[in-house]
Amino acid sequence: MPNESIVLNFKGRVPSKKNSRQIFTKGKRVINIPSRGFQRFKKESMQRIKPIPKPLEPPYKAEYLFEMRGEATFSDIDNMIASLNDIAQDAGIIKDDKYIMKIVAEKHPASDEYLTEMKITEIGKNNE
């Protein structure tokens, strides 16, 4: 049986969920949530992702292609990957990003616009 794959396309610069956070207090509690920029990016991305009947079966291979405007040196590729993994999980594409066993990622600077492609593939129990 062939391994199933899903390709997700994202528009705009992928913000870091980890590094840009809003921190405030409510009484004695400290509230720590993702930045407005990340929340906006996630909301727009979730609206474009077509729902699937059930998540892909783990484990997974994830491939990322980041087309970046200008000199892409200011964006950490690992932070962008983590943001996309969380969105794929929240959209029900994958069961949990902890099951991503293989990663291939490329960052291309000097593109006309920010575009990102994420391909997630079921790799089976033997990581094939």
C-alpha atoms as a PDB file:
ATOM      1  CA  MET A   1       0.000   0.000   0.000  1.00  0.00           C
ATOM      2  CA  PRO A   2       1.510   3.372  -0.986  1.00  0.00           C
ATOM      3  CA  ASN A   3       2.275   5.915   1.692  1.00  0.00           C
ATOM      4  CA  GLU A   4      -0.202   8.786   1.757  1.00  0.00           C
ATOM      5  CA  SER A   5       1.011  12.386   1.518  1.00  0.00           C
ATOM      6  CA  ILE A   6      -0.532  15.793   1.969  1.00  0.00           C
ATOM      7  CA  VAL A   7       0.920  19.062   0.689  1.00  0.00           C
ATOM      8  CA  LEU A   8       0.089  22.279   2.539  1.00  0.00           C
ATOM      9  CA  ASN A   9       0.830  25.719   1.097  1.00  0.00           C
ATOM     10  CA  PHE A  10       1.217  28.811   3.250  1.00  0.00           C
ATOM     11  CA  LYS A  11       1.318  32.461   2.215  1.00  0.00           C
ATOM     12  CA  GLY A  12       3.248  35.126   4.059  1.00  0.00           C
ATOM     13  CA  ARG A  13       6.253  35.010   6.346  1.00  0.00           C
ATOM     14  CA  VAL A  14       6.012  32.128   8.820  1.00  0.00           C
ATOM     15  CA  PRO A  15       6.235  33.698  12.282  1.00  0.00           C
ATOM     16  CA  SER A  16       7.858  31.926  15.196  1.00  0.00           C
ATOM     17  CA  LYS A  17       5.343  30.695  17.742  1.00  0.00           C
ATOM     18  CA  LYS A  18       8.134  30.114  20.240  1.00  0.00           C
ATOM     19  CA  ASN A  19      10.034  33.426  20.117  1.00  0.00           C
ATOM     20  CA  SER A  20       7.244  35.968  19.757  1.00  0.00           C
ATOM     21  CA  ARG A  21       4.869  35.612  22.678  1.00  0.00           C
ATOM     22  CA  GLN A  22       2.537  37.867  24.643  1.00  0.00           C
ATOM     23  CA  ILE A  23       2.980  37.655  28.393  1.00  0.00           C
ATOM     24  CA  PHE A  24       0.594  39.304  30.849  1.00  0.00           C
ATOM     25  CA  THR A  25      -0.848  38.694  34.287  1.00  0.00           C
ATOM     26  CA  LYS A  26      -4.391  38.038  35.407  1.00  0.00           C
ATOM     27  CA  GLY A  27      -4.472  38.317  39.148  1.00  0.00           C
ATOM     28  CA  LYS A  28      -1.578  36.189  40.337  1.00  0.00           C
ATOM     29  CA  ARG A  29      -1.503  34.044  37.188  1.00  0.00           C
ATOM     30  CA  VAL A  30       0.973  34.647  34.374  1.00  0.00           C
ATOM     31  CA  ILE A  31      -0.603  34.158  30.944  1.00  0.00           C
ATOM     32  CA  ASN A  32       1.745  33.297  28.066  1.00  0.00           C
ATOM     33  CA  ILE A  33       0.201  33.103  24.577  1.00  0.00           C
ATOM     34  CA  PRO A  34       1.533  33.295  21.006  1.00  0.00           C
ATOM     35  CA  SER A  35       1.895  36.735  19.446  1.00  0.00           C
ATOM     36  CA  ARG A  36      -0.922  38.366  17.506  1.00  0.00           C
ATOM     37  CA  GLY A  37       1.154  37.885  14.350  1.00  0.00           C
ATOM     38  CA  PHE A  38       1.350  34.129  14.865  1.00  0.00           C
ATOM     39  CA  GLN A  39      -2.337  33.905  15.793  1.00  0.00           C
ATOM     40  CA  ARG A  40      -3.291  35.800  12.610  1.00  0.00           C
ATOM     41  CA  PHE A  41      -1.017  33.599  10.460  1.00  0.00           C
ATOM     42  CA  LYS A  42      -2.470  30.449  12.051  1.00  0.00           C
ATOM     43  CA  LYS A  43      -6.072  31.597  11.574  1.00  0.00           C
ATOM     44  CA  GLU A  44      -5.496  32.457   7.901  1.00  0.00           C
ATOM     45  CA  SER A  45      -3.633  29.177   7.328  1.00  0.00           C
ATOM     46  CA  MET A  46      -6.317  27.078   9.016  1.00  0.00           C
ATOM     47  CA  GLN A  47      -8.963  28.658   6.767  1.00  0.00           C
ATOM     48  CA  ARG A  48      -7.014  27.541   3.669  1.00  0.00           C
ATOM     49  CA  ILE A  49      -6.317  23.982   4.838  1.00  0.00           C
ATOM     50  CA  LYS A  50      -8.914  21.577   3.506  1.00  0.00           C
ATOM     51  CA  PRO A  51     -10.214  19.268   6.242  1.00  0.00           C
ATOM     52  CA  ILE A  52      -9.469  15.558   5.882  1.00  0.00           C
ATOM     53  CA  PRO A  53     -11.610  12.725   7.303  1.00  0.00           C
ATOM     54  CA  LYS A  54      -8.866  11.498   9.640  1.00  0.00           C
ATOM     55  CA  PRO A  55      -5.238  12.384  10.352  1.00  0.00           C
ATOM     56  CA  LEU A  56      -2.448  10.662   8.483  1.00  0.00           C
ATOM     57  CA  GLU A  57      -1.096   7.615  10.295  1.00  0.00           C
ATOM     58  CA  PRO A  58       2.242   8.089  12.070  1.00  0.00           C
ATOM     59  CA  PRO A  59       5.168   8.063  11.843  1.00  0.00           C
ATOM     60  CA  TYR A  60       5.768  10.902   9.381  1.00  0.00           C
ATOM     61  CA  LYS A  61       8.342  12.457   7.115  1.00  0.00           C
ATOM     62  CA  ALA A  62       7.970  16.234   6.764  1.00  0.00           C
ATOM     63  CA  GLU A  63       9.504  18.268   3.952  1.00  0.00           C
ATOM     64  CA  TYR A  64       9.589  22.069   3.973  1.00  0.00           C
ATOM     65  CA  LEU A  65      10.416  24.591   1.275  1.00  0.00           C
ATOM     66  CA  PHE A  66      10.619  28.210   2.415  1.00  0.00           C
ATOM     67  CA  GLU A  67      10.705  30.897  -0.280  1.00  0.00           C
ATOM     68  CA  MET A  68      11.893  34.038   1.508  1.00  0.00           C
ATOM     69  CA  ARG A  69      11.938  37.684   0.449  1.00  0.00           C
ATOM     70  CA  GLY A  70      15.274  39.417   0.814  1.00  0.00           C
ATOM     71  CA  GLU A  71      18.154  37.876   2.715  1.00  0.00           C
ATOM     72  CA  ALA A  72      16.466  35.119   4.716  1.00  0.00           C
ATOM     73  CA  THR A  73      19.098  35.136   7.461  1.00  0.00           C
ATOM     74  CA  PHE A  74      16.815  36.664  10.125  1.00  0.00           C
ATOM     75  CA  SER A  75      14.375  33.715  10.258  1.00  0.00           C
ATOM     76  CA  ASP A  76      15.443  30.571  12.114  1.00  0.00           C
ATOM     77  CA  ILE A  77      14.376  27.595  10.036  1.00  0.00           C
ATOM     78  CA  ASP A  78      13.753  25.443  13.133  1.00  0.00           C
ATOM     79  CA  ASN A  79      11.313  27.998  14.586  1.00  0.00           C
ATOM     80  CA  MET A  80       9.396  28.188  11.294  1.00  0.00           C
ATOM     81  CA  ILE A  81       9.225  24.380  11.166  1.00  0.00           C
ATOM     82  CA  ALA A  82       7.861  24.219  14.728  1.00  0.00           C
ATOM     83  CA  SER A  83       5.147  26.760  13.866  1.00  0.00           C
ATOM     84  CA  LEU A  84       4.028  24.767  10.819  1.00  0.00           C
ATOM     85  CA  ASN A  85       4.082  21.475  12.724  1.00  0.00           C
ATOM     86  CA  ASP A  86       1.742  22.942  15.344  1.00  0.00           C
ATOM     87  CA  ILE A  87      -0.636  24.205  12.660  1.00  0.00           C
ATOM     88  CA  ALA A  88      -0.671  20.804  10.897  1.00  0.00           C
ATOM     89  CA  GLN A  89      -1.459  19.126  14.219  1.00  0.00           C
ATOM     90  CA  ASP A  90      -4.189  21.623  15.154  1.00  0.00           C
ATOM     91  CA  ALA A  91      -5.738  21.234  11.664  1.00  0.00           C
ATOM     92  CA  GLY A  92      -5.992  17.468  12.169  1.00  0.00           C
ATOM     93  CA  ILE A  93      -3.543  16.602   9.374  1.00  0.00           C
ATOM     94  CA  ILE A  94      -1.220  14.764  11.769  1.00  0.00           C
ATOM     95  CA  LYS A  95      -1.973  13.188  15.137  1.00  0.00           C
ATOM     96  CA  ASP A  96       0.981  14.761  16.937  1.00  0.00           C
ATOM     97  CA  ASP A  97       4.165  16.441  15.751  1.00  0.00           C
ATOM     98  CA  LYS A  98       6.173  14.179  18.071  1.00  0.00           C
ATOM     99  CA  TYR A  99       5.661  11.473  15.418  1.00  0.00           C
ATOM    100  CA  ILE A 100       7.653  13.384  12.778  1.00  0.00           C
ATOM    101  CA  MET A 101      10.700  11.129  12.405  1.00  0.00           C
ATOM    102  CA  LYS A 102      12.343  12.605   9.300  1.00  0.00           C
ATOM    103  CA  ILE A 103      12.744  16.236   8.272  1.00  0.00           C
ATOM    104  CA  VAL A 104      14.037  17.760   5.047  1.00  0.00           C
ATOM    105  CA  ALA A 105      14.073  21.563   4.919  1.00  0.00           C
ATOM    106  CA  GLU A 106      15.254  24.215   2.466  1.00  0.00           C
ATOM    107  CA  LYS A 107      15.272  27.999   2.743  1.00  0.00           C
ATOM    108  CA  HIS A 108      15.610  30.041  -0.448  1.00  0.00           C
ATOM    109  CA  PRO A 109      16.329  33.782  -0.074  1.00  0.00           C
ATOM    110  CA  ALA A 110      15.701  36.548  -2.601  1.00  0.00           C
ATOM    111  CA  SER A 111      12.272  35.324  -3.761  1.00  0.00           C
ATOM    112  CA  ASP A 112       9.582  37.725  -4.943  1.00  0.00           C
ATOM    113  CA  GLU A 113       7.290  36.819  -2.043  1.00  0.00           C
ATOM    114  CA  TYR A 114       7.033  34.627   1.031  1.00  0.00           C
ATOM    115  CA  LEU A 115       5.703  31.186   0.102  1.00  0.00           C
ATOM    116  CA  THR A 116       6.027  27.954   2.037  1.00  0.00           C
ATOM    117  CA  GLU A 117       5.260  24.380   1.106  1.00  0.00           C
ATOM    118  CA  MET A 118       5.021  21.575   3.649  1.00  0.00           C
ATOM    119  CA  LYS A 119       4.681  17.962   2.509  1.00  0.00           C
ATOM    120  CA  ILE A 120       3.806  15.357   5.113  1.00  0.00           C
ATOM    121  CA  THR A 121       4.138  11.683   4.236  1.00  0.00           C
ATOM    122  CA  GLU A 122       3.242   8.545   6.165  1.00  0.00           C
ATOM    123  CA  ILE A 123       6.435   6.517   6.386  1.00  0.00           C
ATOM    124  CA  GLY A 124       5.126   3.368   8.057  1.00  0.00           C
ATOM    125  CA  LYS A 125       6.496   1.497  11.013  1.00  0.00           C
ATOM    126  CA  ASN A 126       9.851   0.814   9.315  1.00  0.00           C
ATOM    127  CA  ASN A 127      10.401   4.495   8.406  1.00  0.00           C
ATOM    128  CA  GLU A 128      10.170   3.697   4.688  1.00  0.00           C
END
